[in-house]
Structure formats: C-alpha cells, structure tokens
Amino acid sequence: MLSGKVALVTGAGSGVGHAIADALAQHQATVCLTGRTRAKLEAVAASLPGGPHLPLATDLAADQELDDLIRTLWERAPTLDILVLSAGMAAHGTHETASVEQLDRLYRTNVRANYRLVQGLLPRLKESRGHLVVINSSVALSARPNAGQYSSTQHALRAMTDALRAEVNEHGVGVLSVYLGRTATPMQEALYRERGEEYRPELLLQPEDVATMVVSALALAPTAEVTEISIRPRIKSY
C-alpha cells in the first residue's frame, strides 16, 4: 500500500524519526528526511533501502530555513503523500525555576514550527489525499510535575492536530496522533542524564515499535482512518 508514495519525515536523523523513515523505505516509499545535522541525515539516507532518498538539513525553528524546505519540496518532490512530524525538544523544570526563554524555545520548536510546516505543505497532502502523522507524547494526555512547559506544548500540539483532522478529513486527508511513553532515543537519554537517573534503554519503548505501528496505520485502505495511538513500555521502569 505504500509503494511509490513520497514521504517527508522530520527529526529523521535519529530516534523515532529515523526508525519511521527506515520502515517507510522498507515498504518501498521514497523518503525526504529533514533534521538539523546534515551528516546524520546523509548517513541515514544512504542506509535506507530503495531510493534515491532526499536528505534536507533544516532547523525548523528558523523561519527562513523552514521556508526553504517547503519551497524545495514543492520544486523537487513530484507529490507528497505522507508527512511525519517527529522533530521536537523536551526540557524539565518547575514553574518556579524554568525560564520563560526555555518555554519560548519549546513553543517555537514543538508548536509553531509544526504549524508552519503543515500550513505550507497541506495543499500537497490534499492533492494526494494523503496522511499526516504527528508524533506526540503521553504528557499531552496527562501533564506531569516538573514538565509543565513541555506538557503545555504537547497539549497545544494535540489541540492543533485534532482541529486539523476535523478540517481536512472531508478532503480525504488522514491525521494520526501518536502518544508515546518513554522511548529509547538520544533525547530521552539526555533527560535521564540531566535528572541523574540510570538510563536503561532495554526497558523503554523502542523506536522500531513506534515505526511498526505507524506503518500499519498508514497501510490501511482509504476507507479507514486510525486517529490516535497511545503506546508505552510494557514493563514500567519509572
């Protein structure tokens, strides 16, 4: 069902984005990959089966770079069938101590950049009657102490996604939200280190688990839409 499809995956240099890009390529999709580090993207693109796949280094929080990415996709991609929003950042801190500057960075990366990217590429998804996949967090379903800033951006992303689904379903566009528990990614490892906790990735959700669920949802016939997936580690280590 995904053979010949063209996908854009953000945050594709590592973690969940990398795993989803690989799973899409395994199912014979052509993948455009974006992230901040060109060397990582080029290595991932070269490792994917099929192709040619297109690495596009972009800082999504920088307006000019995001505009350049949208323009490049309009010019170089024959179509856009799948848009996977996997890029994001997380941070911890109490309301008393976490800075407003940190909140601004989280909002700009997790909400504003995704809003602008969807707005710029939505006409292409409507043309193809394609899919939008938004990788979110379990904190979008239940806010956590010491993560109020991050939780607020993920709640905002959830609201944006739910409203968008109601707007675009009539145009044949499917919108899937994926709410992840703790997942073995470089970002999660950094958070464990920041908290001074032991990082045991074997007890966490694996990026490949997420990719399997996403590809399964995308492979459904167009008569069906999976709207939400909530997935977490089976054995709780936290």
Protein backbone atom coordinates (compact mmCIF):
# COMPACT_ATOMS: atom_id res chain seq x y z
CA MET A 1 0.00 0.00 0.00
CA LEU A 2 2.97 2.38 0.47
CA SER A 3 4.93 1.50 -2.67
CA GLY A 4 5.60 4.61 -4.75
CA LYS A 5 4.47 7.00 -2.01
CA VAL A 6 6.56 10.08 -1.18
CA ALA A 7 7.04 10.96 2.49
CA LEU A 8 8.67 13.75 4.47
CA VAL A 9 9.91 12.78 7.94
CA THR A 10 11.13 15.46 10.33
CA GLY A 11 13.62 14.58 13.07
CA ALA A 12 14.85 11.80 10.77
CA GLY A 13 18.48 11.89 11.89
CA SER A 14 17.93 9.65 14.92
CA GLY A 15 15.42 8.00 17.21
CA VAL A 16 11.78 7.66 16.21
CA GLY A 17 12.14 9.73 13.04
CA HIS A 18 14.99 7.53 11.80
CA ALA A 19 13.01 4.36 12.56
CA ILE A 20 9.90 5.62 10.73
CA ALA A 21 11.96 6.70 7.72
CA ASP A 22 13.52 3.23 7.58
CA ALA A 23 10.15 1.48 7.89
CA LEU A 24 8.65 3.60 5.10
CA ALA A 25 11.61 2.85 2.85
CA GLN A 26 11.28 -0.87 3.67
CA HIS A 27 7.75 -0.59 2.30
CA GLN A 28 9.07 1.00 -0.92
CA ALA A 29 8.22 4.61 -0.19
CA THR A 30 10.59 7.41 -1.21
CA VAL A 31 11.62 9.39 1.85
CA CYS A 32 12.63 13.04 2.20
CA LEU A 33 14.45 13.41 5.50
CA THR A 34 14.94 16.56 7.50
CA GLY A 35 16.80 17.38 10.70
CA ARG A 36 19.43 19.84 11.86
CA THR A 37 22.58 17.79 11.21
CA ARG A 38 23.44 17.22 7.55
CA ALA A 39 25.96 14.42 8.17
CA LYS A 40 23.42 12.38 10.16
CA LEU A 41 20.74 12.82 7.51
CA GLU A 42 23.07 11.83 4.70
CA ALA A 43 24.13 8.71 6.61
CA VAL A 44 20.51 7.75 7.26
CA ALA A 45 19.50 8.38 3.63
CA ALA A 46 22.38 6.22 2.41
CA SER A 47 21.38 3.38 4.75
CA LEU A 48 17.74 3.21 3.61
CA PRO A 49 16.68 0.59 1.06
CA GLY A 50 15.39 1.71 -2.30
CA GLY A 51 15.59 5.36 -3.11
CA PRO A 52 17.05 7.69 -4.05
CA HIS A 53 16.04 9.35 -0.78
CA LEU A 54 16.47 13.06 -0.20
CA PRO A 55 18.26 14.48 2.90
CA LEU A 56 17.37 18.12 3.59
CA ALA A 57 19.18 19.63 6.57
CA THR A 58 16.88 22.19 8.21
CA ASP A 59 16.49 23.95 11.54
CA LEU A 60 12.70 24.02 11.70
CA ALA A 61 12.79 26.75 14.36
CA ALA A 62 14.48 29.11 11.87
CA ASP A 63 11.80 30.66 9.64
CA GLN A 64 14.00 31.13 6.56
CA GLU A 65 15.27 27.54 6.67
CA LEU A 66 11.73 26.22 7.11
CA ASP A 67 10.53 28.33 4.17
CA ASP A 68 13.43 26.98 2.07
CA LEU A 69 12.43 23.41 2.98
CA ILE A 70 8.83 23.98 1.92
CA ARG A 71 9.95 25.58 -1.34
CA THR A 72 12.36 22.71 -2.07
CA LEU A 73 9.66 20.11 -1.53
CA TRP A 74 7.27 21.93 -3.85
CA GLU A 75 10.01 22.10 -6.51
CA ARG A 76 11.69 18.69 -6.18
CA ALA A 77 9.10 16.24 -4.86
CA PRO A 78 6.63 15.06 -7.51
CA THR A 79 3.98 14.66 -4.82
CA LEU A 80 3.67 14.44 -1.04
CA ASP A 81 1.65 11.53 0.29
CA ILE A 82 2.85 11.30 3.89
CA LEU A 83 4.06 13.99 6.30
CA VAL A 84 5.51 12.71 9.58
CA LEU A 85 6.18 15.31 12.27
CA SER A 86 8.69 13.67 14.60
CA ALA A 87 11.06 16.53 15.42
CA GLY A 88 10.81 18.19 18.81
CA MET A 89 12.57 19.10 22.00
CA ALA A 90 11.90 18.42 25.68
CA ALA A 91 13.02 20.04 28.91
CA HIS A 92 12.32 19.67 32.62
CA GLY A 93 11.86 22.26 35.32
CA THR A 94 9.30 23.51 37.79
CA HIS A 95 7.10 26.52 37.16
CA GLU A 96 9.14 28.34 39.80
CA THR A 97 12.51 27.72 38.18
CA ALA A 98 12.07 27.05 34.44
CA SER A 99 12.80 30.17 32.41
CA VAL A 100 10.47 31.93 30.01
CA GLU A 101 13.26 31.68 27.41
CA GLN A 102 13.09 27.89 27.69
CA LEU A 103 9.31 27.99 27.24
CA ASP A 104 9.78 30.12 24.12
CA ARG A 105 12.24 27.59 22.65
CA LEU A 106 9.89 24.69 23.34
CA TYR A 107 6.92 26.51 21.83
CA ARG A 108 8.84 27.58 18.74
CA THR A 109 10.10 24.05 18.05
CA ASN A 110 7.18 21.88 19.14
CA VAL A 111 4.20 24.01 18.13
CA ARG A 112 4.99 26.94 15.88
CA ALA A 113 7.37 25.11 13.53
CA ASN A 114 4.93 22.23 13.08
CA TYR A 115 2.06 24.66 12.46
CA ARG A 116 4.00 26.49 9.75
CA LEU A 117 5.22 23.30 8.12
CA VAL A 118 1.71 21.85 7.94
CA GLN A 119 0.34 25.11 6.62
CA GLY A 120 2.97 25.19 3.86
CA LEU A 121 2.52 21.57 2.79
CA LEU A 122 -1.17 20.94 3.40
CA PRO A 123 -2.15 21.74 -0.21
CA ARG A 124 0.10 18.89 -1.34
CA LEU A 125 -1.47 16.45 1.11
CA LYS A 126 -4.90 17.47 -0.10
CA GLU A 127 -3.83 16.90 -3.70
CA SER A 128 -2.68 13.35 -2.87
CA ARG A 129 -5.40 12.65 -0.31
CA GLY A 130 -2.50 11.73 1.92
CA HIS A 131 -1.65 11.31 5.59
CA LEU A 132 -0.29 13.49 8.37
CA VAL A 133 1.34 11.68 11.30
CA VAL A 134 2.09 13.68 14.46
CA ILE A 135 4.44 12.08 16.97
CA ASN A 136 3.37 13.43 20.34
CA SER A 137 3.98 12.43 23.96
CA SER A 138 1.93 10.86 26.73
CA VAL A 139 2.26 14.19 28.56
CA ALA A 140 -0.24 15.56 26.03
CA LEU A 141 -2.80 13.28 27.68
CA SER A 142 -1.76 13.87 31.28
CA ALA A 143 0.52 16.73 32.33
CA ARG A 144 3.39 15.81 34.66
CA PRO A 145 5.07 17.70 37.51
CA ASN A 146 8.43 19.26 36.62
CA ALA A 147 7.45 19.15 32.95
CA GLY A 148 4.75 21.81 32.79
CA GLN A 149 6.37 23.72 29.95
CA TYR A 150 6.90 20.64 27.79
CA SER A 151 3.45 19.32 28.66
CA SER A 152 1.84 22.60 27.62
CA THR A 153 3.45 22.50 24.17
CA GLN A 154 2.35 18.90 23.66
CA HIS A 155 -1.22 19.75 24.74
CA ALA A 156 -1.13 22.58 22.19
CA LEU A 157 0.13 20.20 19.51
CA ARG A 158 -2.69 17.80 20.35
CA ALA A 159 -5.29 20.56 20.03
CA MET A 160 -3.82 21.67 16.71
CA THR A 161 -3.86 18.10 15.39
CA ASP A 162 -7.44 17.39 16.49
CA ALA A 163 -8.73 20.63 14.95
CA LEU A 164 -6.83 19.95 11.73
CA ARG A 165 -8.29 16.45 11.44
CA ALA A 166 -11.81 17.89 11.57
CA GLU A 167 -10.87 20.40 8.87
CA VAL A 168 -9.18 18.08 6.36
CA ASN A 169 -10.97 14.73 6.59
CA GLU A 170 -13.51 15.95 4.04
CA HIS A 171 -10.61 16.40 1.60
CA GLY A 172 -9.53 12.78 2.06
CA VAL A 173 -6.56 13.57 4.31
CA GLY A 174 -5.98 11.28 7.29
CA VAL A 175 -4.49 12.63 10.52
CA LEU A 176 -2.89 10.31 13.08
CA SER A 177 -1.69 11.34 16.54
CA VAL A 178 0.79 9.02 18.26
CA TYR A 179 1.23 9.45 22.01
CA LEU A 180 4.48 7.90 23.22
CA GLY A 181 5.58 6.80 26.64
CA ARG A 182 9.29 6.89 27.40
CA THR A 183 11.17 5.78 24.31
CA ALA A 184 14.81 4.81 23.89
CA THR A 185 16.07 7.85 21.97
CA PRO A 186 19.02 10.24 22.31
CA MET A 187 16.63 12.91 23.66
CA GLN A 188 15.37 10.56 26.38
CA GLU A 189 18.91 9.55 27.26
CA ALA A 190 19.84 13.22 27.72
CA LEU A 191 16.82 13.75 30.02
CA TYR A 192 17.81 10.77 32.17
CA ARG A 193 21.35 12.15 32.42
CA GLU A 194 20.01 15.58 33.38
CA ARG A 195 17.95 14.04 36.19
CA GLY A 196 20.84 11.90 37.38
CA GLU A 197 18.91 8.68 36.75
CA GLU A 198 20.19 5.40 35.35
CA TYR A 199 19.34 5.08 31.66
CA ARG A 200 18.23 1.55 30.76
CA PRO A 201 17.03 1.70 27.13
CA GLU A 202 16.16 -2.00 27.07
CA LEU A 203 13.26 -1.28 29.44
CA LEU A 204 11.86 1.54 27.31
CA LEU A 205 9.73 1.63 24.20
CA GLN A 206 11.87 1.09 21.11
CA PRO A 207 11.75 3.43 18.07
CA GLU A 208 11.13 0.41 15.85
CA ASP A 209 7.99 -0.41 17.87
CA VAL A 210 6.63 3.05 17.07
CA ALA A 211 7.54 2.73 13.40
CA THR A 212 5.72 -0.61 13.14
CA MET A 213 2.52 0.91 14.50
CA VAL A 214 2.73 3.97 12.24
CA VAL A 215 3.32 2.00 9.06
CA SER A 216 0.49 -0.40 9.94
CA ALA A 217 -1.90 2.53 10.30
CA LEU A 218 -0.74 4.11 7.03
CA ALA A 219 -1.17 0.83 5.15
CA LEU A 220 -4.92 0.67 5.82
CA ALA A 221 -7.33 1.09 2.95
CA PRO A 222 -8.59 4.67 2.44
CA THR A 223 -11.98 3.67 3.84
CA ALA A 224 -10.43 3.62 7.35
CA GLU A 225 -8.52 6.11 9.49
CA VAL A 226 -6.64 5.46 12.72
CA THR A 227 -6.89 8.74 14.61
CA GLU A 228 -4.91 8.02 17.79
CA ILE A 229 -2.34 5.52 19.03
CA SER A 230 -1.17 5.50 22.64
CA ILE A 231 1.88 3.29 23.15
CA ARG A 232 4.11 2.83 26.17
CA PRO A 233 6.66 0.38 27.62
CA ARG A 234 5.06 -2.83 28.86
CA ILE A 235 7.38 -3.07 31.89
CA LYS A 236 7.45 0.18 33.83
CA SER A 237 10.91 1.30 34.97
CA TYR A 238 9.80 4.73 36.15
